[in-house]
Amino acid sequence: MSDSSIPTPDVNLVPLTEGGLELELSEMECLSIKTLLEANDIQVVVQGASQMPNLPYEILVPANQLQDAVRVVRDAQQTGAEVTE
């Protein structure tokens, strides 16, 4: 049985970026974005030091899904901003 959320070793992973900057996230932010991306069929790998919670986490996605991942995150941010207005 294969888990489609786990990238195969030959997948080129790149950091999820926003506006040219790499996102450095807290654990809770990272889990929220990971769940959002997986719900949109985007593979996700979380990189970080769980034993050192003061250090940021980084989200990696396959290079061929980067544009989709950025779009999903921006759409979610925009929707959240509209709800709070």
PDB file of N, CA and C in Angstrom:
ATOM      1  N   MET A   1       0.849  -1.168   0.000  1.00  0.00           N
ATOM      2  CA  MET A   1       0.000   0.000   0.000  1.00  0.00           C
ATOM      3  C   MET A   1       0.895   1.232   0.000  1.00  0.00           C
ATOM      4  N   SER A   2       0.567   2.204  -0.839  1.00  0.00           N
ATOM      5  CA  SER A   2       1.371   3.408  -0.981  1.00  0.00           C
ATOM      6  C   SER A   2       0.649   4.608  -0.384  1.00  0.00           C
ATOM      7  N   ASP A   3       1.394   5.460   0.318  1.00  0.00           N
ATOM      8  CA  ASP A   3       0.836   6.685   0.877  1.00  0.00           C
ATOM      9  C   ASP A   3       1.217   7.836  -0.041  1.00  0.00           C
ATOM     10  N   SER A   4       0.235   8.430  -0.714  1.00  0.00           N
ATOM     11  CA  SER A   4       0.517   9.474  -1.690  1.00  0.00           C
ATOM     12  C   SER A   4       1.019  10.761  -1.045  1.00  0.00           C
ATOM     13  N   SER A   5       0.885  10.913   0.271  1.00  0.00           N
ATOM     14  CA  SER A   5       1.358  12.127   0.922  1.00  0.00           C
ATOM     15  C   SER A   5       2.857  12.082   1.206  1.00  0.00           C
ATOM     16  N   ILE A   6       3.487  10.928   1.003  1.00  0.00           N
ATOM     17  CA  ILE A   6       4.923  10.800   1.219  1.00  0.00           C
ATOM     18  C   ILE A   6       5.617  10.826  -0.139  1.00  0.00           C
ATOM     19  N   PRO A   7       6.404  11.895  -0.409  1.00  0.00           N
ATOM     20  CA  PRO A   7       7.082  11.972  -1.700  1.00  0.00           C
ATOM     21  C   PRO A   7       8.077  10.832  -1.882  1.00  0.00           C
ATOM     22  N   THR A   8       8.221  10.376  -3.104  1.00  0.00           N
ATOM     23  CA  THR A   8       9.200   9.345  -3.410  1.00  0.00           C
ATOM     24  C   THR A   8      10.591   9.968  -3.382  1.00  0.00           C
ATOM     25  N   PRO A   9      11.631   9.163  -3.208  1.00  0.00           N
ATOM     26  CA  PRO A   9      12.989   9.705  -3.081  1.00  0.00           C
ATOM     27  C   PRO A   9      13.464  10.521  -4.283  1.00  0.00           C
ATOM     28  N   ASP A  10      12.906  10.287  -5.464  1.00  0.00           N
ATOM     29  CA  ASP A  10      13.364  11.012  -6.647  1.00  0.00           C
ATOM     30  C   ASP A  10      12.649  12.349  -6.854  1.00  0.00           C
ATOM     31  N   VAL A  11      11.793  12.753  -5.922  1.00  0.00           N
ATOM     32  CA  VAL A  11      11.078  14.024  -6.027  1.00  0.00           C
ATOM     33  C   VAL A  11      11.996  15.157  -5.571  1.00  0.00           C
ATOM     34  N   ASN A  12      12.065  16.220  -6.382  1.00  0.00           N
ATOM     35  CA  ASN A  12      12.868  17.389  -6.048  1.00  0.00           C
ATOM     36  C   ASN A  12      12.054  18.300  -5.133  1.00  0.00           C
ATOM     37  N   LEU A  13      12.411  18.347  -3.851  1.00  0.00           N
ATOM     38  CA  LEU A  13      11.687  19.166  -2.883  1.00  0.00           C
ATOM     39  C   LEU A  13      12.301  20.557  -2.802  1.00  0.00           C
ATOM     40  N   VAL A  14      11.428  21.568  -2.709  1.00  0.00           N
ATOM     41  CA  VAL A  14      11.867  22.951  -2.584  1.00  0.00           C
ATOM     42  C   VAL A  14      11.104  23.599  -1.431  1.00  0.00           C
ATOM     43  N   PRO A  15      11.688  24.627  -0.809  1.00  0.00           N
ATOM     44  CA  PRO A  15      10.976  25.303   0.282  1.00  0.00           C
ATOM     45  C   PRO A  15       9.762  26.057  -0.249  1.00  0.00           C
ATOM     46  N   LEU A  16       8.692  26.018   0.510  1.00  0.00           N
ATOM     47  CA  LEU A  16       7.512  26.810   0.175  1.00  0.00           C
ATOM     48  C   LEU A  16       7.877  28.264   0.412  1.00  0.00           C
ATOM     49  N   THR A  17       7.723  29.075  -0.604  1.00  0.00           N
ATOM     50  CA  THR A  17       8.103  30.478  -0.509  1.00  0.00           C
ATOM     51  C   THR A  17       6.887  31.365  -0.691  1.00  0.00           C
ATOM     52  N   GLU A  18       7.017  32.583  -0.206  1.00  0.00           N
ATOM     53  CA  GLU A  18       5.954  33.562  -0.370  1.00  0.00           C
ATOM     54  C   GLU A  18       6.617  34.896  -0.665  1.00  0.00           C
ATOM     55  N   GLY A  19       6.361  35.444  -1.830  1.00  0.00           N
ATOM     56  CA  GLY A  19       6.958  36.720  -2.192  1.00  0.00           C
ATOM     57  C   GLY A  19       8.471  36.658  -2.261  1.00  0.00           C
ATOM     58  N   GLY A  20       9.015  35.495  -2.601  1.00  0.00           N
ATOM     59  CA  GLY A  20      10.450  35.343  -2.706  1.00  0.00           C
ATOM     60  C   GLY A  20      11.144  35.046  -1.390  1.00  0.00           C
ATOM     61  N   LEU A  21      10.401  35.062  -0.284  1.00  0.00           N
ATOM     62  CA  LEU A  21      10.987  34.766   1.022  1.00  0.00           C
ATOM     63  C   LEU A  21      10.566  33.385   1.475  1.00  0.00           C
ATOM     64  N   GLU A  22      11.488  32.664   2.070  1.00  0.00           N
ATOM     65  CA  GLU A  22      11.138  31.357   2.615  1.00  0.00           C
ATOM     66  C   GLU A  22      10.306  31.556   3.872  1.00  0.00           C
ATOM     67  N   LEU A  23       9.276  30.731   4.010  1.00  0.00           N
ATOM     68  CA  LEU A  23       8.438  30.803   5.199  1.00  0.00           C
ATOM     69  C   LEU A  23       9.113  30.059   6.335  1.00  0.00           C
ATOM     70  N   GLU A  24       9.266  30.722   7.466  1.00  0.00           N
ATOM     71  CA  GLU A  24       9.751  30.080   8.685  1.00  0.00           C
ATOM     72  C   GLU A  24       8.606  30.138   9.671  1.00  0.00           C
ATOM     73  N   LEU A  25       8.126  28.987  10.082  1.00  0.00           N
ATOM     74  CA  LEU A  25       6.870  28.898  10.803  1.00  0.00           C
ATOM     75  C   LEU A  25       7.018  28.280  12.181  1.00  0.00           C
ATOM     76  N   SER A  26       6.095  28.663  13.064  1.00  0.00           N
ATOM     77  CA  SER A  26       6.000  27.979  14.350  1.00  0.00           C
ATOM     78  C   SER A  26       5.371  26.610  14.098  1.00  0.00           C
ATOM     79  N   GLU A  27       5.397  25.767  15.103  1.00  0.00           N
ATOM     80  CA  GLU A  27       4.844  24.420  14.946  1.00  0.00           C
ATOM     81  C   GLU A  27       3.361  24.460  14.585  1.00  0.00           C
ATOM     82  N   MET A  28       2.587  25.312  15.239  1.00  0.00           N
ATOM     83  CA  MET A  28       1.145  25.386  14.977  1.00  0.00           C
ATOM     84  C   MET A  28       0.853  25.924  13.578  1.00  0.00           C
ATOM     85  N   GLU A  29       1.591  26.956  13.152  1.00  0.00           N
ATOM     86  CA  GLU A  29       1.411  27.495  11.800  1.00  0.00           C
ATOM     87  C   GLU A  29       1.753  26.431  10.765  1.00  0.00           C
ATOM     88  N   CYS A  30       2.820  25.722  11.029  1.00  0.00           N
ATOM     89  CA  CYS A  30       3.271  24.683  10.114  1.00  0.00           C
ATOM     90  C   CYS A  30       2.216  23.588   9.959  1.00  0.00           C
ATOM     91  N   LEU A  31       1.652  23.142  11.061  1.00  0.00           N
ATOM     92  CA  LEU A  31       0.629  22.096  11.003  1.00  0.00           C
ATOM     93  C   LEU A  31      -0.612  22.570  10.258  1.00  0.00           C
ATOM     94  N   SER A  32      -0.985  23.830  10.443  1.00  0.00           N
ATOM     95  CA  SER A  32      -2.150  24.378   9.742  1.00  0.00           C
ATOM     96  C   SER A  32      -1.921  24.410   8.238  1.00  0.00           C
ATOM     97  N   ILE A  33      -0.752  24.889   7.827  1.00  0.00           N
ATOM     98  CA  ILE A  33      -0.454  24.973   6.397  1.00  0.00           C
ATOM     99  C   ILE A  33      -0.287  23.583   5.807  1.00  0.00           C
ATOM    100  N   LYS A  34       0.333  22.674   6.543  1.00  0.00           N
ATOM    101  CA  LYS A  34       0.499  21.296   6.074  1.00  0.00           C
ATOM    102  C   LYS A  34      -0.865  20.666   5.805  1.00  0.00           C
ATOM    103  N   THR A  35      -1.796  20.834   6.734  1.00  0.00           N
ATOM    104  CA  THR A  35      -3.145  20.282   6.576  1.00  0.00           C
ATOM    105  C   THR A  35      -3.847  20.901   5.376  1.00  0.00           C
ATOM    106  N   LEU A  36      -3.706  22.210   5.218  1.00  0.00           N
ATOM    107  CA  LEU A  36      -4.321  22.914   4.096  1.00  0.00           C
ATOM    108  C   LEU A  36      -3.785  22.405   2.758  1.00  0.00           C
ATOM    109  N   LEU A  37      -2.471  22.251   2.660  1.00  0.00           N
ATOM    110  CA  LEU A  37      -1.867  21.787   1.408  1.00  0.00           C
ATOM    111  C   LEU A  37      -2.256  20.344   1.104  1.00  0.00           C
ATOM    112  N   GLU A  38      -2.225  19.487   2.112  1.00  0.00           N
ATOM    113  CA  GLU A  38      -2.599  18.087   1.895  1.00  0.00           C
ATOM    114  C   GLU A  38      -4.060  17.965   1.474  1.00  0.00           C
ATOM    115  N   ALA A  39      -4.918  18.840   1.984  1.00  0.00           N
ATOM    116  CA  ALA A  39      -6.328  18.832   1.586  1.00  0.00           C
ATOM    117  C   ALA A  39      -6.493  19.225   0.121  1.00  0.00           C
ATOM    118  N   ASN A  40      -5.476  19.886  -0.432  1.00  0.00           N
ATOM    119  CA  ASN A  40      -5.486  20.282  -1.838  1.00  0.00           C
ATOM    120  C   ASN A  40      -4.586  19.381  -2.679  1.00  0.00           C
ATOM    121  N   ASP A  41      -4.327  18.169  -2.191  1.00  0.00           N
ATOM    122  CA  ASP A  41      -3.536  17.152  -2.899  1.00  0.00           C
ATOM    123  C   ASP A  41      -2.121  17.603  -3.242  1.00  0.00           C
ATOM    124  N   ILE A  42      -1.517  18.381  -2.348  1.00  0.00           N
ATOM    125  CA  ILE A  42      -0.131  18.807  -2.522  1.00  0.00           C
ATOM    126  C   ILE A  42       0.709  18.065  -1.485  1.00  0.00           C
ATOM    127  N   GLN A  43       1.746  17.389  -1.959  1.00  0.00           N
ATOM    128  CA  GLN A  43       2.626  16.648  -1.058  1.00  0.00           C
ATOM    129  C   GLN A  43       3.418  17.633  -0.198  1.00  0.00           C
ATOM    130  N   VAL A  44       3.636  17.274   1.062  1.00  0.00           N
ATOM    131  CA  VAL A  44       4.299  18.172   2.012  1.00  0.00           C
ATOM    132  C   VAL A  44       5.306  17.392   2.850  1.00  0.00           C
ATOM    133  N   VAL A  45       6.465  17.999   3.055  1.00  0.00           N
ATOM    134  CA  VAL A  45       7.445  17.483   4.003  1.00  0.00           C
ATOM    135  C   VAL A  45       7.770  18.627   4.955  1.00  0.00           C
ATOM    136  N   VAL A  46       7.691  18.357   6.248  1.00  0.00           N
ATOM    137  CA  VAL A  46       8.004  19.366   7.256  1.00  0.00           C
ATOM    138  C   VAL A  46       9.423  19.129   7.734  1.00  0.00           C
ATOM    139  N   GLN A  47      10.188  20.201   7.763  1.00  0.00           N
ATOM    140  CA  GLN A  47      11.575  20.115   8.197  1.00  0.00           C
ATOM    141  C   GLN A  47      11.746  21.030   9.404  1.00  0.00           C
ATOM    142  N   GLY A  48      12.292  20.498  10.461  1.00  0.00           N
ATOM    143  CA  GLY A  48      12.499  21.312  11.654  1.00  0.00           C
ATOM    144  C   GLY A  48      13.015  20.457  12.786  1.00  0.00           C
ATOM    145  N   ALA A  49      13.378  21.132  13.849  1.00  0.00           N
ATOM    146  CA  ALA A  49      13.929  20.445  15.012  1.00  0.00           C
ATOM    147  C   ALA A  49      12.872  20.396  16.100  1.00  0.00           C
ATOM    148  N   SER A  50      12.145  19.290  16.187  1.00  0.00           N
ATOM    149  CA  SER A  50      11.066  19.194  17.173  1.00  0.00           C
ATOM    150  C   SER A  50      11.588  19.243  18.608  1.00  0.00           C
ATOM    151  N   GLN A  51      12.822  18.864  18.820  1.00  0.00           N
ATOM    152  CA  GLN A  51      13.373  18.908  20.172  1.00  0.00           C
ATOM    153  C   GLN A  51      13.776  20.328  20.574  1.00  0.00           C
ATOM    154  N   MET A  52      13.763  21.266  19.629  1.00  0.00           N
ATOM    155  CA  MET A  52      14.089  22.662  19.922  1.00  0.00           C
ATOM    156  C   MET A  52      12.952  23.539  19.399  1.00  0.00           C
ATOM    157  N   PRO A  53      11.864  23.669  20.154  1.00  0.00           N
ATOM    158  CA  PRO A  53      10.669  24.355  19.660  1.00  0.00           C
ATOM    159  C   PRO A  53      10.851  25.836  19.369  1.00  0.00           C
ATOM    160  N   ASN A  54      11.948  26.441  19.813  1.00  0.00           N
ATOM    161  CA  ASN A  54      12.178  27.849  19.519  1.00  0.00           C
ATOM    162  C   ASN A  54      12.713  28.060  18.102  1.00  0.00           C
ATOM    163  N   LEU A  55      13.130  26.991  17.440  1.00  0.00           N
ATOM    164  CA  LEU A  55      13.608  27.099  16.065  1.00  0.00           C
ATOM    165  C   LEU A  55      12.438  26.926  15.104  1.00  0.00           C
ATOM    166  N   PRO A  56      12.463  27.648  13.979  1.00  0.00           N
ATOM    167  CA  PRO A  56      11.331  27.582  13.053  1.00  0.00           C
ATOM    168  C   PRO A  56      11.296  26.278  12.265  1.00  0.00           C
ATOM    169  N   TYR A  57      10.108  25.979  11.774  1.00  0.00           N
ATOM    170  CA  TYR A  57       9.896  24.844  10.886  1.00  0.00           C
ATOM    171  C   TYR A  57       9.848  25.366   9.465  1.00  0.00           C
ATOM    172  N   GLU A  58      10.117  24.494   8.526  1.00  0.00           N
ATOM    173  CA  GLU A  58      10.075  24.852   7.115  1.00  0.00           C
ATOM    174  C   GLU A  58       9.246  23.801   6.389  1.00  0.00           C
ATOM    175  N   ILE A  59       8.457  24.254   5.434  1.00  0.00           N
ATOM    176  CA  ILE A  59       7.641  23.346   4.640  1.00  0.00           C
ATOM    177  C   ILE A  59       8.285  23.180   3.276  1.00  0.00           C
ATOM    178  N   LEU A  60       8.469  21.925   2.884  1.00  0.00           N
ATOM    179  CA  LEU A  60       9.012  21.603   1.567  1.00  0.00           C
ATOM    180  C   LEU A  60       7.917  20.956   0.737  1.00  0.00           C
ATOM    181  N   VAL A  61       7.869  21.330  -0.541  1.00  0.00           N
ATOM    182  CA  VAL A  61       6.902  20.750  -1.470  1.00  0.00           C
ATOM    183  C   VAL A  61       7.648  20.345  -2.735  1.00  0.00           C
ATOM    184  N   PRO A  62       7.095  19.418  -3.514  1.00  0.00           N
ATOM    185  CA  PRO A  62       7.724  19.081  -4.785  1.00  0.00           C
ATOM    186  C   PRO A  62       7.794  20.321  -5.683  1.00  0.00           C
ATOM    187  N   ALA A  63       8.895  20.470  -6.392  1.00  0.00           N
ATOM    188  CA  ALA A  63       9.097  21.643  -7.245  1.00  0.00           C
ATOM    189  C   ALA A  63       7.953  21.831  -8.236  1.00  0.00           C
ATOM    190  N   ASN A  64       7.421  20.721  -8.747  1.00  0.00           N
ATOM    191  CA  ASN A  64       6.346  20.836  -9.735  1.00  0.00           C
ATOM    192  C   ASN A  64       5.004  21.217  -9.112  1.00  0.00           C
ATOM    193  N   GLN A  65       4.922  21.296  -7.784  1.00  0.00           N
ATOM    194  CA  GLN A  65       3.691  21.701  -7.102  1.00  0.00           C
ATOM    195  C   GLN A  65       3.853  23.033  -6.369  1.00  0.00           C
ATOM    196  N   LEU A  66       5.003  23.679  -6.523  1.00  0.00           N
ATOM    197  CA  LEU A  66       5.277  24.909  -5.780  1.00  0.00           C
ATOM    198  C   LEU A  66       4.272  26.010  -6.099  1.00  0.00           C
ATOM    199  N   GLN A  67       4.002  26.250  -7.376  1.00  0.00           N
ATOM    200  CA  GLN A  67       3.065  27.321  -7.746  1.00  0.00           C
ATOM    201  C   GLN A  67       1.682  27.073  -7.157  1.00  0.00           C
ATOM    202  N   ASP A  68       1.229  25.825  -7.205  1.00  0.00           N
ATOM    203  CA  ASP A  68      -0.077  25.490  -6.628  1.00  0.00           C
ATOM    204  C   ASP A  68      -0.074  25.709  -5.118  1.00  0.00           C
ATOM    205  N   ALA A  69       1.009  25.321  -4.463  1.00  0.00           N
ATOM    206  CA  ALA A  69       1.101  25.477  -3.013  1.00  0.00           C
ATOM    207  C   ALA A  69       1.067  26.950  -2.617  1.00  0.00           C
ATOM    208  N   VAL A  70       1.803  27.784  -3.332  1.00  0.00           N
ATOM    209  CA  VAL A  70       1.809  29.221  -3.047  1.00  0.00           C
ATOM    210  C   VAL A  70       0.408  29.795  -3.249  1.00  0.00           C
ATOM    211  N   ARG A  71      -0.265  29.386  -4.316  1.00  0.00           N
ATOM    212  CA  ARG A  71      -1.622  29.866  -4.594  1.00  0.00           C
ATOM    213  C   ARG A  71      -2.577  29.482  -3.468  1.00  0.00           C
ATOM    214  N   VAL A  72      -2.501  28.234  -3.008  1.00  0.00           N
ATOM    215  CA  VAL A  72      -3.385  27.756  -1.940  1.00  0.00           C
ATOM    216  C   VAL A  72      -3.159  28.564  -0.659  1.00  0.00           C
ATOM    217  N   VAL A  73      -1.902  28.802  -0.298  1.00  0.00           N
ATOM    218  CA  VAL A  73      -1.598  29.556   0.922  1.00  0.00           C
ATOM    219  C   VAL A  73      -2.073  30.999   0.791  1.00  0.00           C
ATOM    220  N   ARG A  74      -1.813  31.623  -0.349  1.00  0.00           N
ATOM    221  CA  ARG A  74      -2.255  33.018  -0.548  1.00  0.00           C
ATOM    222  C   ARG A  74      -3.772  33.132  -0.531  1.00  0.00           C
ATOM    223  N   ASP A  75      -4.447  32.193  -1.169  1.00  0.00           N
ATOM    224  CA  ASP A  75      -5.917  32.203  -1.156  1.00  0.00           C
ATOM    225  C   ASP A  75      -6.443  32.094   0.274  1.00  0.00           C
ATOM    226  N   ALA A  76      -5.837  31.232   1.065  1.00  0.00           N
ATOM    227  CA  ALA A  76      -6.265  31.058   2.456  1.00  0.00           C
ATOM    228  C   ALA A  76      -5.998  32.324   3.268  1.00  0.00           C
ATOM    229  N   GLN A  77      -4.850  32.964   3.040  1.00  0.00           N
ATOM    230  CA  GLN A  77      -4.539  34.203   3.753  1.00  0.00           C
ATOM    231  C   GLN A  77      -5.525  35.306   3.376  1.00  0.00           C
ATOM    232  N   GLN A  78      -5.835  35.398   2.098  1.00  0.00           N
ATOM    233  CA  GLN A  78      -6.765  36.423   1.626  1.00  0.00           C
ATOM    234  C   GLN A  78      -8.160  36.184   2.200  1.00  0.00           C
ATOM    235  N   THR A  79      -8.597  34.940   2.196  1.00  0.00           N
ATOM    236  CA  THR A  79      -9.909  34.604   2.750  1.00  0.00           C
ATOM    237  C   THR A  79      -9.960  34.936   4.237  1.00  0.00           C
ATOM    238  N   GLY A  80      -8.899  34.622   4.953  1.00  0.00           N
ATOM    239  CA  GLY A  80      -8.841  34.930   6.380  1.00  0.00           C
ATOM    240  C   GLY A  80      -8.890  36.424   6.642  1.00  0.00           C
ATOM    241  N   ALA A  81      -8.197  37.205   5.815  1.00  0.00           N
ATOM    242  CA  ALA A  81      -8.201  38.661   5.975  1.00  0.00           C
ATOM    243  C   ALA A  81      -9.587  39.237   5.696  1.00  0.00           C
ATOM    244  N   GLU A  82     -10.280  38.687   4.698  1.00  0.00           N
ATOM    245  CA  GLU A  82     -11.620  39.166   4.365  1.00  0.00           C
ATOM    246  C   GLU A  82     -12.607  38.849   5.484  1.00  0.00           C
ATOM    247  N   VAL A  83     -12.447  37.723   6.125  1.00  0.00           N
ATOM    248  CA  VAL A  83     -13.351  37.330   7.205  1.00  0.00           C
ATOM    249  C   VAL A  83     -13.195  38.259   8.405  1.00  0.00           C
ATOM    250  N   THR A  84     -11.973  38.713   8.668  1.00  0.00           N
ATOM    251  CA  THR A  84     -11.734  39.561   9.836  1.00  0.00           C
ATOM    252  C   THR A  84     -12.136  41.012   9.613  1.00  0.00           C
ATOM    253  N   GLU A  85     -12.388  41.398   8.373  1.00  0.00           N
ATOM    254  CA  GLU A  85     -12.783  42.791   8.089  1.00  0.00           C
ATOM    255  C   GLU A  85     -14.230  43.028   8.383  1.00  0.00           C
TER     256      GLU A  85
END
